[in-house]
Protein backbone atom coordinates (compact mmCIF):
# COMPACT_ATOMS: atom_id res chain seq x y z
CA MET A 1 1.24 -0.08 30.98
CA GLY A 2 2.21 3.31 29.55
CA THR A 3 3.60 3.45 26.03
CA ASP A 4 5.34 5.98 23.78
CA GLN A 5 5.07 6.38 20.02
CA VAL A 6 8.21 5.30 18.18
CA LEU A 7 8.23 8.71 16.45
CA LEU A 8 9.56 10.07 19.74
CA HIS A 9 12.41 7.58 19.80
CA ARG A 10 13.32 8.24 16.17
CA PHE A 11 13.59 11.98 16.65
CA VAL A 12 15.62 11.76 19.85
CA ILE A 13 17.95 9.12 18.40
CA SER A 14 18.56 11.31 15.35
CA GLN A 15 19.48 14.23 17.60
CA LEU A 16 21.70 12.21 19.93
CA SER A 17 23.44 10.69 16.91
CA ALA A 18 24.03 14.16 15.45
CA ALA A 19 25.59 15.12 18.79
CA GLY A 20 28.13 12.32 18.47
CA LEU A 21 26.63 9.14 19.93
CA ASP A 22 26.64 5.90 17.96
CA ARG A 23 23.16 5.39 16.50
CA ASP A 24 23.31 1.60 16.33
CA GLN A 25 24.65 1.34 19.86
CA LEU A 26 21.87 3.59 21.15
CA ILE A 27 19.26 1.38 19.51
CA ARG A 28 20.79 -1.78 20.97
CA ASP A 29 21.24 -0.37 24.46
CA THR A 30 17.71 1.01 24.53
CA GLY A 31 16.33 -2.39 23.56
CA LEU A 32 14.63 -1.14 20.42
CA PRO A 33 14.21 -3.64 17.59
CA GLU A 34 16.04 -2.21 14.56
CA TRP A 35 12.98 -2.58 12.35
CA THR A 36 11.05 -0.06 14.47
CA MET A 37 13.29 2.69 13.12
CA ALA A 38 11.74 2.39 9.67
CA GLY A 39 8.58 0.35 10.11
CA ASP A 40 5.01 1.39 10.70
CA ASP A 41 4.34 3.76 13.57
CA MET A 42 3.70 1.95 16.84
CA HIS A 43 3.72 2.40 20.59
CA LEU A 44 6.56 0.93 22.64
CA PRO A 45 6.86 0.35 26.41
CA TRP A 46 7.55 3.59 28.30
CA GLU A 47 10.77 2.20 29.79
CA MET A 48 12.48 2.43 26.40
CA PHE A 49 12.01 6.19 26.08
CA SER A 50 13.20 6.81 29.63
CA ARG A 51 16.19 4.55 29.03
CA LEU A 52 17.03 6.45 25.85
CA TRP A 53 17.29 9.71 27.77
CA GLU A 54 19.47 8.12 30.44
CA LEU A 55 21.82 6.79 27.75
CA GLY A 56 21.96 10.21 26.11
CA ALA A 57 22.79 12.00 29.34
CA HIS A 58 25.48 9.47 30.20
CA GLY A 59 26.97 9.16 26.73
CA LEU A 60 27.25 12.93 26.20
CA ALA A 61 28.08 13.65 29.86
CA ASP A 62 25.34 16.28 29.68
CA PRO A 63 22.60 16.36 32.35
CA SER A 64 20.80 19.01 30.29
CA VAL A 65 20.62 16.84 27.16
CA ALA A 66 16.80 16.97 27.09
CA LEU A 67 16.89 20.76 26.83
CA GLN A 68 19.53 20.65 24.11
CA VAL A 69 17.44 18.23 22.03
CA ALA A 70 14.17 20.08 22.64
CA ARG A 71 15.39 23.41 21.39
CA ARG A 72 16.29 21.76 18.08
CA TYR A 73 12.79 20.37 17.77
CA GLU A 74 11.53 20.19 14.20
CA LEU A 75 7.86 20.81 13.51
CA SER A 76 6.12 17.74 12.04
CA SER A 77 8.49 15.32 13.79
CA LEU A 78 5.49 13.94 15.65
CA GLY A 79 3.13 13.83 12.68
CA LEU A 80 -0.56 14.23 13.52
CA TYR A 81 0.16 15.60 17.00
CA ASP A 82 2.22 18.45 15.55
CA TYR A 83 -0.26 19.22 12.80
CA LEU A 84 -3.14 19.44 15.26
CA PHE A 85 -1.15 22.05 17.15
CA SER A 86 0.17 24.03 14.21
CA THR A 87 -3.15 24.32 12.35
CA ALA A 88 -4.92 25.84 15.37
CA PRO A 89 -5.82 29.55 15.13
CA THR A 90 -4.08 30.75 18.32
CA LEU A 91 -1.42 29.67 20.77
CA GLY A 92 -4.06 28.89 23.39
CA ALA A 93 -6.03 26.74 20.95
CA GLY A 94 -2.82 24.96 19.95
CA LEU A 95 -1.78 24.25 23.53
CA ALA A 96 -5.29 23.04 24.25
CA THR A 97 -4.73 20.18 21.77
CA CYS A 98 -1.86 18.82 23.87
CA GLY A 99 -4.12 17.22 26.46
CA PRO A 100 -6.96 15.57 24.54
CA TYR A 101 -4.75 14.24 21.75
CA VAL A 102 -1.58 13.30 23.63
CA ALA A 103 -2.42 9.61 23.02
CA ALA A 104 -1.22 10.20 19.45
CA VAL A 105 2.32 10.09 20.85
CA THR A 106 2.13 8.67 24.38
CA THR A 107 -0.24 6.97 26.79
CA ASN A 108 2.17 7.63 29.66
CA HIS A 109 1.61 11.38 29.98
CA ARG A 110 -1.12 13.90 30.56
CA PHE A 111 -1.03 17.57 29.57
CA ASP A 112 -3.54 20.03 31.00
CA LEU A 113 -4.01 23.72 30.19
CA VAL A 114 -5.49 25.34 33.28
CA GLY A 115 -6.00 28.76 34.79
CA ALA A 116 -3.22 29.74 37.18
CA GLY A 117 -4.61 32.86 38.79
CA GLU A 118 -5.65 36.19 37.38
CA GLY A 119 -4.16 36.82 33.97
CA GLU A 120 -2.20 33.53 33.76
CA MET A 121 -2.50 30.06 32.22
CA SER A 122 -0.41 27.00 33.06
CA LEU A 123 0.44 24.00 30.91
CA THR A 124 1.02 21.10 33.32
CA LEU A 125 2.62 17.75 32.50
CA ASP A 126 2.16 14.54 34.47
CA MET A 127 3.93 11.23 33.93
CA ILE A 128 1.99 8.12 34.88
CA GLU A 129 4.84 5.59 35.08
CA GLY A 130 8.55 6.19 35.58
CA ASP A 131 10.94 7.65 38.11
CA GLY A 132 14.53 8.75 38.65
CA LEU A 133 16.71 10.37 36.01
CA GLY A 134 14.68 8.95 33.12
CA ARG A 135 11.53 10.55 34.48
CA ASP A 136 13.23 13.92 35.05
CA LEU A 137 14.68 14.04 31.55
CA THR A 138 11.46 12.89 29.89
CA GLN A 139 9.43 15.53 31.71
CA LEU A 140 11.99 18.22 30.91
CA TRP A 141 11.89 17.21 27.25
CA GLY A 142 8.10 17.24 27.22
CA LEU A 143 7.75 20.81 28.45
CA SER A 144 10.67 22.35 26.57
CA ALA A 145 9.75 20.62 23.29
CA VAL A 146 6.24 22.09 23.47
CA LEU A 147 7.77 25.52 24.05
CA SER A 148 10.20 25.08 21.16
CA ARG A 149 7.36 24.00 18.88
CA ALA A 150 5.26 27.01 19.89
CA ARG A 151 8.10 29.43 19.19
CA ARG A 152 8.27 28.21 15.61
CA VAL A 153 4.68 29.21 14.87
CA VAL A 154 4.25 32.56 16.63
CA GLU A 155 5.74 35.88 15.65
CA GLY A 156 8.07 37.52 18.16
CA PRO A 157 9.61 36.12 21.35
CA LEU A 158 7.68 33.72 23.56
CA ALA A 159 8.62 32.79 27.13
CA PRO A 160 6.71 31.56 30.17
CA VAL A 161 6.56 33.90 33.15
CA ARG A 162 7.67 31.02 35.37
CA VAL A 163 8.50 27.31 35.28
CA THR A 164 8.15 24.70 38.02
CA LEU A 165 10.01 21.38 37.87
CA ARG A 166 9.85 18.40 40.20
CA GLN A 167 13.48 17.45 39.60
CA ARG A 168 16.27 18.46 41.94
CA ALA A 169 18.09 21.71 41.29
CA PRO A 170 20.97 21.17 38.82
CA ALA A 171 24.54 22.24 39.40
CA ARG A 172 24.05 24.89 36.69
CA ARG A 173 20.86 26.79 35.97
CA ASP A 174 22.06 28.85 33.01
CA ILE A 175 20.95 26.38 30.31
CA PHE A 176 17.49 26.20 31.91
CA VAL A 177 17.18 29.99 31.91
CA GLU A 178 18.44 30.15 28.32
CA VAL A 179 16.02 27.53 26.97
CA PHE A 180 12.91 28.56 28.89
CA GLY A 181 13.63 32.28 28.58
CA THR A 182 12.89 33.05 32.22
CA SER A 183 14.92 33.07 35.42
CA ASP A 184 11.82 32.31 37.50
CA ILE A 185 12.39 28.54 37.67
CA THR A 186 11.54 26.56 40.79
CA PHE A 187 13.03 23.10 41.31
CA GLU A 188 11.75 20.34 43.62
CA ALA A 189 8.25 21.70 42.99
CA GLU A 190 5.04 19.69 43.25
CA ILE A 191 4.33 19.74 39.52
CA ASP A 192 6.07 20.13 36.16
CA ALA A 193 4.52 23.15 34.49
CA MET A 194 5.03 26.31 32.44
CA THR A 195 2.92 29.38 33.23
CA PHE A 196 2.20 32.00 30.57
CA LEU A 197 0.42 35.30 30.49
CA ALA A 198 -3.20 34.72 29.55
CA SER A 199 -2.77 37.35 26.84
CA ASP A 200 -0.22 35.05 25.13
CA MET A 201 -3.03 32.57 24.51
CA ASP A 202 -4.57 34.97 21.98
CA ARG A 203 -1.44 35.22 19.85
CA PRO A 204 -2.17 33.92 16.32
CA LEU A 205 -0.22 31.02 14.85
CA THR A 206 1.51 31.70 11.54
CA THR A 207 0.62 28.17 10.41
CA ALA A 208 -3.11 28.32 11.21
CA ASP A 209 -5.14 26.30 8.71
CA PRO A 210 -8.82 25.84 9.59
CA VAL A 211 -9.50 23.61 6.58
CA LEU A 212 -6.71 21.16 7.43
CA ALA A 213 -7.62 21.33 11.12
CA GLY A 214 -11.16 20.31 10.23
CA ILE A 215 -9.84 17.27 8.38
CA LEU A 216 -7.45 16.23 11.15
CA ARG A 217 -9.79 16.53 14.14
CA PRO A 218 -11.94 13.48 13.25
CA LEU A 219 -8.78 11.41 12.85
CA ALA A 220 -7.50 12.54 16.22
CA GLU A 221 -10.82 11.94 17.94
CA ALA A 222 -10.73 8.33 16.78
CA LEU A 223 -7.61 7.80 18.90
CA PRO A 224 -8.01 6.20 22.33
CA PRO A 225 -8.25 8.87 25.05
CA PRO A 226 -5.25 9.45 27.30
CA PRO A 227 -5.46 7.43 30.52
CA PRO A 228 -7.16 9.37 33.32
CA LEU A 229 -4.63 10.15 36.01
CA ALA A 230 -7.29 9.86 38.68
CA THR A 231 -7.67 6.13 38.03
CA ALA A 232 -4.01 5.53 37.26
CA TRP A 233 -2.65 6.72 40.62
CA PRO A 234 -4.33 4.15 42.90
CA GLN A 235 -2.91 1.33 40.75
CA ARG A 236 0.56 2.91 40.84
CA VAL A 237 0.32 3.23 44.61
CA ALA A 238 -0.91 -0.37 44.95
CA ASP A 239 2.02 -1.70 42.91
CA THR A 240 4.53 0.37 44.88
CA LEU A 241 3.00 -0.59 48.24
CA ALA A 242 3.26 -4.29 47.38
CA GLU A 243 7.00 -3.86 46.86
CA ALA A 244 7.38 -1.59 49.90
CA LEU A 245 5.65 -4.07 52.23
CA ALA A 246 7.97 -6.79 50.99
CA THR A 247 11.00 -4.70 52.01
CA GLY A 248 9.52 -3.60 55.33
CA ASP A 249 9.09 0.13 54.65
CA ALA A 250 5.60 1.08 53.51
CA SER A 251 5.67 4.65 54.79
CA LEU A 252 4.01 7.50 52.92
CA ASP A 253 7.37 9.21 52.48
CA ARG A 254 8.96 6.08 51.02
CA VAL A 255 6.14 5.42 48.55
CA ALA A 256 5.98 9.09 47.47
CA ARG A 257 9.75 9.12 46.93
CA THR A 258 9.56 5.96 44.81
CA LEU A 259 6.84 7.57 42.69
CA ALA A 260 8.93 10.74 42.30
CA THR A 261 6.39 12.98 44.00
CA SER A 262 5.80 14.61 47.36
CA PRO A 263 3.66 13.07 50.12
CA ARG A 264 1.19 15.95 49.87
CA THR A 265 0.83 15.60 46.09
CA LEU A 266 0.41 11.83 46.41
CA GLN A 267 -2.38 12.30 48.95
CA ARG A 268 -4.05 14.83 46.67
CA ARG A 269 -3.89 12.46 43.70
CA LEU A 270 -5.52 9.72 45.74
CA MET A 271 -8.21 12.09 46.95
CA GLU A 272 -8.96 13.04 43.33
CA ALA A 273 -9.43 9.33 42.63
CA GLY A 274 -11.92 8.99 45.48
CA THR A 275 -9.63 7.22 47.93
CA THR A 276 -7.03 7.97 50.63
CA TRP A 277 -3.55 6.91 51.61
CA ARG A 278 -4.95 4.99 54.61
CA LYS A 279 -7.44 3.07 52.46
CA GLU A 280 -4.78 2.14 49.93
CA LEU A 281 -2.39 1.01 52.66
CA ASP A 282 -5.12 -1.13 54.22
CA ARG A 283 -5.94 -2.65 50.82
CA ALA A 284 -2.29 -3.48 50.22
CA ARG A 285 -1.96 -5.10 53.65
CA ASP A 286 -5.17 -7.04 53.11
CA ALA A 287 -3.92 -8.36 49.76
CA ARG A 288 -0.57 -9.34 51.27
CA LEU A 289 -2.24 -11.16 54.14
CA ARG A 290 -4.64 -13.05 51.88
CA GLN A 291 -1.72 -14.23 49.79
CA ALA A 292 0.22 -15.33 52.88
CA VAL A 293 -2.56 -17.25 54.64
CA ALA A 294 -3.43 -19.12 51.47
CA THR A 295 -0.55 -21.48 52.29
CA GLY A 296 -1.52 -22.00 55.95
CA PRO A 297 -2.20 -20.24 59.29
CA LEU A 298 0.23 -17.60 60.57
CA SER A 299 1.12 -16.49 64.08
CA ARG A 300 0.20 -12.98 65.19
CA ALA A 301 3.86 -12.01 65.26
CA ARG A 302 4.36 -13.21 61.71
CA GLN A 303 1.22 -11.35 60.57
CA ALA A 304 2.56 -8.15 62.12
CA GLN A 305 5.90 -8.62 60.39
CA LEU A 306 4.32 -9.26 57.00
CA LEU A 307 2.05 -6.23 57.24
CA GLY A 308 4.63 -3.79 58.52
CA TYR A 309 3.11 -3.39 61.99
CA SER A 310 5.23 -2.85 65.07
CA ASP A 311 3.54 -5.55 67.16
CA ALA A 312 0.71 -8.07 67.27
CA GLY A 313 -1.53 -5.59 69.09
CA ALA A 314 -1.43 -3.30 66.07
CA VAL A 315 -2.71 -6.19 63.97
CA ARG A 316 -5.74 -6.60 66.24
CA ARG A 317 -6.50 -2.86 66.14
CA ALA A 318 -6.28 -2.92 62.35
CA ALA A 319 -8.64 -5.89 62.24
CA ARG A 320 -11.23 -3.95 64.22
CA ARG A 321 -10.88 -0.93 61.95
CA TRP A 322 -11.22 -3.03 58.81
CA THR A 323 -14.27 -4.81 60.22
CA ALA A 324 -15.91 -1.45 60.80
CA VAL A 325 -15.61 -0.45 57.14
CA ASP A 326 -16.02 -3.83 55.45
CA SER A 327 -19.08 -5.97 56.10
CA THR A 328 -17.28 -8.99 54.65
CA SER A 329 -14.99 -8.78 57.67
CA ARG A 330 -11.38 -8.89 56.67
CA ALA A 331 -10.72 -9.64 60.35
CA ASP A 332 -11.70 -13.24 59.73
CA ARG A 333 -8.35 -13.72 58.08
CA PHE A 334 -6.58 -12.85 61.31
CA ASP A 335 -8.11 -15.76 63.21
């Protein structure tokens, strides 16, 4: 299960409280134990951070609350993670620390700094667990907070050449343009990302400190690595398919929508993990059937209903296909 460092919660709660929300009520409604606000640093279930953003948006009646908080980001709020960034020699080197050391603050996200065509670099952000408004706000915070942090340690203005966001287009775009510093913002995109000029990566950081960086790197490298998205996606799909089969709609569109992604992106994620949508759907149906027949034999019609097939004939065709790819013969369970 994905987790988030309580440092994240503390900073966001402080900002939401400064904006007028009741601190104690926020803590209670989020489900945070009060002692976590002053105790040792720890990771908490990802649902709490998503819930915190939902409460902030509702309490302040501000769907752009994540942007408002991010642009007030204070360097060192996230401890080691911030220092790894700020002691790097250049912006590119600083952004490159986001991915390998993100486990210092969350095991529910992955950052990647990748080439985006000639003369451009993109910082992408993926969320492993979460959906809906909480996911949108958390992702928006993640990107804009990194940008706010970067602006505090480079001389002169800094803005991405374009931004892509998976969330739906808001009623007003002006706050997005103001915070990101570009009007080239695409909503309902396949990925959450900021793209910069490659030349920006060479801009020196005013806080560069090679001695301190050398001390911090061994500490950071002792942290557990961020979870690989390639292995995380099949499990997410399996969990979602189990629920979808129970409700009778295990379509690719339905599962992708539940996971807050597009069908094409979902298929690509599965391909990166060495599997396919069809294989995962077959696995989910197989698991559901095994569980059902454990209590006694089932009619063909009932098997078809349980597995989301239109008729008993589809069950037989599936059995033949599964037999062809599995020498242990899943088809035996249909007899």
